[in-house]
Amino acid sequence: MCVVERKDLGDLVRSFTTERPVFNERLRRMSVFPDRLLVVTAALSQVKSRYKHSPANPNQITQSLIATLAGLRVPFLCVETHELGEEIVASYLYQVHLYYWLESNGQGRHLADDDL
């Protein structure tokens, strides 16, 4: 029912360049899940900046993320640290499970006033 992929910056760059066909297939498989998320453990400003160990074009990588969002409807979040990525993934999985439980028990999929 849910899938999460987490990438650090180097892995993201490799995934959208040298490993692009394999990663694109993984993203296509992710897109069929009702809940899916790509978490990038780097700030968006880092994704948009020159890479020290790769000749890859930062604009190409950024546009690949946007294409993943628009074309495959796989949302992404950029977080600054690995630890923050862990927290976001755990919170996301908790919320997905919570909404699944609420719907399965006839409570509907809606936020209460104190949820935000």
N, C-alpha and C. Protein backbone atom coordinates (compact mmCIF):
# COMPACT_ATOMS: atom_id res chain seq x y z
N MET A 1 0.81 -1.20 0.00
CA MET A 1 0.00 0.00 0.00
C MET A 1 0.85 1.26 0.00
N CYS A 2 2.14 1.16 0.42
CA CYS A 2 2.99 2.34 0.55
C CYS A 2 4.42 1.98 0.19
N VAL A 3 5.11 2.91 -0.44
CA VAL A 3 6.52 2.71 -0.76
C VAL A 3 7.25 4.04 -0.59
N VAL A 4 8.46 3.94 -0.02
CA VAL A 4 9.31 5.11 0.17
C VAL A 4 10.70 4.77 -0.36
N GLU A 5 11.27 5.69 -1.08
CA GLU A 5 12.65 5.56 -1.56
C GLU A 5 13.41 6.75 -1.00
N ARG A 6 14.58 6.47 -0.41
CA ARG A 6 15.40 7.55 0.13
C ARG A 6 16.75 7.55 -0.57
N LYS A 7 17.18 8.74 -1.00
CA LYS A 7 18.43 8.88 -1.75
C LYS A 7 19.26 10.00 -1.14
N ASP A 8 20.57 9.75 -0.96
CA ASP A 8 21.45 10.87 -0.66
C ASP A 8 21.80 11.53 -1.99
N LEU A 9 22.50 12.64 -1.96
CA LEU A 9 22.73 13.41 -3.19
C LEU A 9 23.52 12.61 -4.22
N GLY A 10 24.59 11.95 -3.79
CA GLY A 10 25.39 11.17 -4.74
C GLY A 10 24.59 10.06 -5.39
N ASP A 11 23.77 9.39 -4.59
CA ASP A 11 22.93 8.31 -5.11
C ASP A 11 21.87 8.86 -6.07
N LEU A 12 21.31 10.01 -5.73
CA LEU A 12 20.32 10.63 -6.62
C LEU A 12 20.94 10.96 -7.98
N VAL A 13 22.13 11.55 -7.95
CA VAL A 13 22.80 11.92 -9.20
C VAL A 13 23.08 10.66 -10.03
N ARG A 14 23.62 9.61 -9.41
CA ARG A 14 23.88 8.36 -10.13
C ARG A 14 22.58 7.76 -10.67
N SER A 15 21.51 7.83 -9.85
CA SER A 15 20.23 7.25 -10.26
C SER A 15 19.64 7.94 -11.48
N PHE A 16 19.86 9.24 -11.61
CA PHE A 16 19.32 9.97 -12.76
C PHE A 16 20.31 10.09 -13.91
N THR A 17 21.50 9.49 -13.77
CA THR A 17 22.49 9.54 -14.86
C THR A 17 22.87 8.11 -15.26
N THR A 18 23.88 7.55 -14.64
CA THR A 18 24.41 6.24 -15.06
C THR A 18 23.44 5.10 -14.81
N GLU A 19 22.57 5.22 -13.81
CA GLU A 19 21.62 4.15 -13.48
C GLU A 19 20.18 4.54 -13.86
N ARG A 20 20.05 5.48 -14.77
CA ARG A 20 18.74 6.04 -15.11
C ARG A 20 17.68 5.00 -15.52
N PRO A 21 17.98 4.07 -16.42
CA PRO A 21 16.94 3.11 -16.82
C PRO A 21 16.42 2.28 -15.63
N VAL A 22 17.32 1.84 -14.78
CA VAL A 22 16.92 1.04 -13.62
C VAL A 22 16.09 1.89 -12.65
N PHE A 23 16.54 3.13 -12.40
CA PHE A 23 15.81 3.99 -11.48
C PHE A 23 14.46 4.40 -12.05
N ASN A 24 14.40 4.69 -13.34
CA ASN A 24 13.11 5.03 -13.95
C ASN A 24 12.11 3.89 -13.80
N GLU A 25 12.58 2.66 -13.96
CA GLU A 25 11.69 1.51 -13.78
C GLU A 25 11.22 1.42 -12.33
N ARG A 26 12.12 1.66 -11.39
CA ARG A 26 11.73 1.65 -9.97
C ARG A 26 10.69 2.73 -9.69
N LEU A 27 10.88 3.92 -10.26
CA LEU A 27 9.90 4.99 -10.08
C LEU A 27 8.55 4.63 -10.70
N ARG A 28 8.57 3.98 -11.85
CA ARG A 28 7.30 3.53 -12.47
C ARG A 28 6.58 2.54 -11.56
N ARG A 29 7.34 1.61 -10.96
CA ARG A 29 6.71 0.66 -10.04
C ARG A 29 6.18 1.38 -8.80
N MET A 30 6.91 2.38 -8.32
CA MET A 30 6.43 3.16 -7.17
C MET A 30 5.12 3.87 -7.49
N SER A 31 4.98 4.35 -8.72
CA SER A 31 3.85 5.20 -9.08
C SER A 31 2.50 4.48 -9.00
N VAL A 32 2.49 3.16 -8.95
CA VAL A 32 1.22 2.45 -8.88
C VAL A 32 0.72 2.29 -7.44
N PHE A 33 1.56 2.59 -6.47
CA PHE A 33 1.13 2.51 -5.07
C PHE A 33 0.29 3.73 -4.73
N PRO A 34 -0.74 3.54 -3.90
CA PRO A 34 -1.57 4.69 -3.54
C PRO A 34 -0.80 5.75 -2.75
N ASP A 35 0.17 5.33 -1.96
CA ASP A 35 0.99 6.26 -1.18
C ASP A 35 2.45 5.98 -1.52
N ARG A 36 3.16 7.02 -1.94
CA ARG A 36 4.56 6.87 -2.33
C ARG A 36 5.28 8.19 -2.08
N LEU A 37 6.59 8.06 -1.82
CA LEU A 37 7.37 9.25 -1.51
C LEU A 37 8.83 8.99 -1.83
N LEU A 38 9.47 9.97 -2.45
CA LEU A 38 10.91 9.96 -2.68
C LEU A 38 11.51 11.01 -1.76
N VAL A 39 12.40 10.59 -0.87
CA VAL A 39 13.04 11.50 0.07
C VAL A 39 14.50 11.66 -0.34
N VAL A 40 14.90 12.90 -0.56
CA VAL A 40 16.28 13.22 -0.94
C VAL A 40 16.95 13.84 0.28
N THR A 41 18.02 13.20 0.77
CA THR A 41 18.69 13.74 1.95
C THR A 41 19.77 14.74 1.52
N ALA A 42 19.28 15.82 0.95
CA ALA A 42 20.09 16.98 0.58
C ALA A 42 19.13 18.14 0.39
N ALA A 43 19.58 19.32 0.72
CA ALA A 43 18.76 20.51 0.49
C ALA A 43 18.57 20.71 -1.02
N LEU A 44 17.45 21.28 -1.41
CA LEU A 44 17.21 21.53 -2.83
C LEU A 44 18.30 22.43 -3.41
N SER A 45 18.83 23.34 -2.61
CA SER A 45 19.92 24.19 -3.08
C SER A 45 21.17 23.36 -3.41
N GLN A 46 21.38 22.25 -2.72
CA GLN A 46 22.50 21.37 -3.05
C GLN A 46 22.23 20.61 -4.35
N VAL A 47 20.99 20.19 -4.54
CA VAL A 47 20.62 19.50 -5.77
C VAL A 47 20.85 20.44 -6.96
N LYS A 48 20.60 21.73 -6.76
CA LYS A 48 20.72 22.73 -7.84
C LYS A 48 22.15 23.26 -8.01
N SER A 49 23.10 22.82 -7.17
CA SER A 49 24.48 23.32 -7.24
C SER A 49 25.40 22.32 -7.93
N ARG A 50 26.55 22.80 -8.39
CA ARG A 50 27.54 21.91 -9.02
C ARG A 50 27.93 20.79 -8.07
N TYR A 51 28.17 19.61 -8.64
CA TYR A 51 28.56 18.44 -7.85
C TYR A 51 30.07 18.27 -7.90
N LYS A 52 30.68 18.05 -6.75
CA LYS A 52 32.14 17.93 -6.66
C LYS A 52 32.67 16.73 -7.43
N HIS A 53 31.99 15.60 -7.34
CA HIS A 53 32.53 14.36 -7.90
C HIS A 53 31.75 13.84 -9.11
N SER A 54 31.03 14.73 -9.77
CA SER A 54 30.26 14.29 -10.94
C SER A 54 30.13 15.44 -11.93
N PRO A 55 30.25 15.13 -13.21
CA PRO A 55 30.04 16.17 -14.23
C PRO A 55 28.56 16.40 -14.54
N ALA A 56 27.68 15.70 -13.83
CA ALA A 56 26.25 15.81 -14.11
C ALA A 56 25.77 17.25 -13.97
N ASN A 57 24.80 17.60 -14.77
CA ASN A 57 24.22 18.94 -14.77
C ASN A 57 23.16 19.04 -13.68
N PRO A 58 23.34 19.93 -12.70
CA PRO A 58 22.34 20.08 -11.63
C PRO A 58 20.94 20.39 -12.13
N ASN A 59 20.84 21.15 -13.23
CA ASN A 59 19.51 21.45 -13.78
C ASN A 59 18.84 20.19 -14.32
N GLN A 60 19.63 19.28 -14.91
CA GLN A 60 19.08 18.02 -15.41
C GLN A 60 18.53 17.19 -14.25
N ILE A 61 19.27 17.13 -13.16
CA ILE A 61 18.82 16.35 -12.01
C ILE A 61 17.56 16.96 -11.42
N THR A 62 17.54 18.28 -11.29
CA THR A 62 16.35 18.97 -10.77
C THR A 62 15.14 18.75 -11.66
N GLN A 63 15.34 18.87 -12.97
CA GLN A 63 14.23 18.65 -13.90
C GLN A 63 13.76 17.20 -13.88
N SER A 64 14.67 16.27 -13.64
CA SER A 64 14.28 14.86 -13.51
C SER A 64 13.39 14.67 -12.28
N LEU A 65 13.70 15.36 -11.19
CA LEU A 65 12.83 15.29 -10.01
C LEU A 65 11.45 15.86 -10.32
N ILE A 66 11.42 16.99 -11.00
CA ILE A 66 10.14 17.63 -11.35
C ILE A 66 9.35 16.73 -12.31
N ALA A 67 10.03 16.10 -13.26
CA ALA A 67 9.36 15.19 -14.19
C ALA A 67 8.80 13.98 -13.45
N THR A 68 9.51 13.51 -12.44
CA THR A 68 9.03 12.40 -11.63
C THR A 68 7.75 12.80 -10.90
N LEU A 69 7.72 14.01 -10.40
CA LEU A 69 6.53 14.52 -9.72
C LEU A 69 5.37 14.70 -10.69
N ALA A 70 5.61 15.37 -11.80
CA ALA A 70 4.53 15.67 -12.74
C ALA A 70 4.11 14.47 -13.57
N GLY A 71 5.08 13.71 -14.06
CA GLY A 71 4.76 12.61 -14.97
C GLY A 71 4.32 11.34 -14.27
N LEU A 72 5.01 10.97 -13.21
CA LEU A 72 4.69 9.73 -12.51
C LEU A 72 3.91 9.95 -11.23
N ARG A 73 3.77 11.22 -10.86
CA ARG A 73 3.06 11.59 -9.62
C ARG A 73 3.70 10.96 -8.39
N VAL A 74 5.03 10.89 -8.41
CA VAL A 74 5.79 10.45 -7.23
C VAL A 74 6.32 11.71 -6.57
N PRO A 75 5.75 12.10 -5.44
CA PRO A 75 6.22 13.32 -4.77
C PRO A 75 7.60 13.12 -4.16
N PHE A 76 8.32 14.22 -4.01
CA PHE A 76 9.63 14.15 -3.38
C PHE A 76 9.76 15.25 -2.33
N LEU A 77 10.58 14.97 -1.34
CA LEU A 77 10.93 15.95 -0.31
C LEU A 77 12.44 16.01 -0.23
N CYS A 78 12.98 17.20 -0.11
CA CYS A 78 14.41 17.37 0.13
C CYS A 78 14.59 17.74 1.60
N VAL A 79 15.40 16.98 2.30
CA VAL A 79 15.70 17.24 3.71
C VAL A 79 17.21 17.35 3.86
N GLU A 80 17.65 18.16 4.81
CA GLU A 80 19.06 18.51 4.89
C GLU A 80 19.96 17.42 5.43
N THR A 81 19.45 16.52 6.27
CA THR A 81 20.33 15.53 6.90
C THR A 81 19.71 14.14 6.84
N HIS A 82 20.57 13.15 7.00
CA HIS A 82 20.12 11.76 7.05
C HIS A 82 19.14 11.55 8.21
N GLU A 83 19.46 12.14 9.35
CA GLU A 83 18.60 11.99 10.54
C GLU A 83 17.23 12.61 10.32
N LEU A 84 17.19 13.76 9.69
CA LEU A 84 15.91 14.39 9.38
C LEU A 84 15.14 13.53 8.38
N GLY A 85 15.85 12.93 7.44
CA GLY A 85 15.22 12.02 6.50
C GLY A 85 14.58 10.84 7.21
N GLU A 86 15.28 10.28 8.20
CA GLU A 86 14.72 9.17 8.98
C GLU A 86 13.44 9.60 9.69
N GLU A 87 13.47 10.79 10.28
CA GLU A 87 12.29 11.29 11.00
C GLU A 87 11.11 11.50 10.06
N ILE A 88 11.39 12.08 8.90
CA ILE A 88 10.32 12.34 7.92
C ILE A 88 9.72 11.02 7.42
N VAL A 89 10.57 10.05 7.11
CA VAL A 89 10.08 8.75 6.63
C VAL A 89 9.24 8.08 7.70
N ALA A 90 9.71 8.08 8.94
CA ALA A 90 8.94 7.46 10.03
C ALA A 90 7.59 8.16 10.21
N SER A 91 7.59 9.48 10.18
CA SER A 91 6.33 10.22 10.33
C SER A 91 5.39 9.95 9.16
N TYR A 92 5.93 9.90 7.96
CA TYR A 92 5.11 9.63 6.78
C TYR A 92 4.47 8.24 6.88
N LEU A 93 5.27 7.25 7.23
CA LEU A 93 4.74 5.89 7.36
C LEU A 93 3.68 5.80 8.45
N TYR A 94 3.89 6.51 9.55
CA TYR A 94 2.89 6.54 10.61
C TYR A 94 1.59 7.14 10.10
N GLN A 95 1.68 8.27 9.40
CA GLN A 95 0.47 8.92 8.90
C GLN A 95 -0.26 8.06 7.87
N VAL A 96 0.48 7.41 6.99
CA VAL A 96 -0.15 6.52 6.01
C VAL A 96 -0.89 5.40 6.72
N HIS A 97 -0.24 4.81 7.72
CA HIS A 97 -0.89 3.74 8.48
C HIS A 97 -2.13 4.27 9.23
N LEU A 98 -2.00 5.44 9.83
CA LEU A 98 -3.13 6.04 10.56
C LEU A 98 -4.34 6.24 9.65
N TYR A 99 -4.12 6.83 8.48
CA TYR A 99 -5.24 7.06 7.57
C TYR A 99 -5.82 5.75 7.04
N TYR A 100 -4.97 4.78 6.80
CA TYR A 100 -5.46 3.47 6.38
C TYR A 100 -6.34 2.88 7.47
N TRP A 101 -5.89 2.95 8.74
CA TRP A 101 -6.66 2.42 9.86
C TRP A 101 -8.00 3.16 9.99
N LEU A 102 -7.96 4.49 9.90
CA LEU A 102 -9.20 5.27 10.01
C LEU A 102 -10.20 4.87 8.93
N GLU A 103 -9.74 4.77 7.69
CA GLU A 103 -10.63 4.40 6.60
C GLU A 103 -11.15 2.98 6.77
N SER A 104 -10.28 2.07 7.21
CA SER A 104 -10.68 0.67 7.40
C SER A 104 -11.69 0.50 8.51
N ASN A 105 -11.73 1.46 9.43
CA ASN A 105 -12.64 1.38 10.56
C ASN A 105 -13.78 2.39 10.46
N GLY A 106 -14.08 2.81 9.25
CA GLY A 106 -15.24 3.65 9.00
C GLY A 106 -15.14 5.08 9.52
N GLN A 107 -13.95 5.54 9.78
CA GLN A 107 -13.79 6.89 10.33
C GLN A 107 -13.56 7.95 9.25
N GLY A 108 -13.32 7.53 8.03
CA GLY A 108 -13.10 8.50 6.94
C GLY A 108 -11.68 9.03 6.94
N ARG A 109 -11.36 9.70 5.85
CA ARG A 109 -10.01 10.23 5.67
C ARG A 109 -10.08 11.76 5.81
N HIS A 110 -9.98 12.23 7.02
CA HIS A 110 -10.03 13.68 7.23
C HIS A 110 -9.20 14.05 8.43
N LEU A 111 -8.77 15.29 8.48
CA LEU A 111 -7.98 15.80 9.59
C LEU A 111 -8.90 16.40 10.64
N ALA A 112 -8.60 16.15 11.89
CA ALA A 112 -9.28 16.84 13.00
C ALA A 112 -8.55 18.16 13.25
N ASP A 113 -9.19 19.05 13.97
CA ASP A 113 -8.61 20.38 14.22
C ASP A 113 -7.21 20.31 14.83
N ASP A 114 -6.95 19.36 15.71
CA ASP A 114 -5.66 19.28 16.38
C ASP A 114 -4.60 18.51 15.59
N ASP A 115 -4.91 18.04 14.40
CA ASP A 115 -3.94 17.29 13.60
C ASP A 115 -2.89 18.17 12.95
N LEU A 116 -3.22 19.44 12.76
CA LEU A 116 -2.28 20.34 12.07
C LEU A 116 -1.48 21.16 13.05
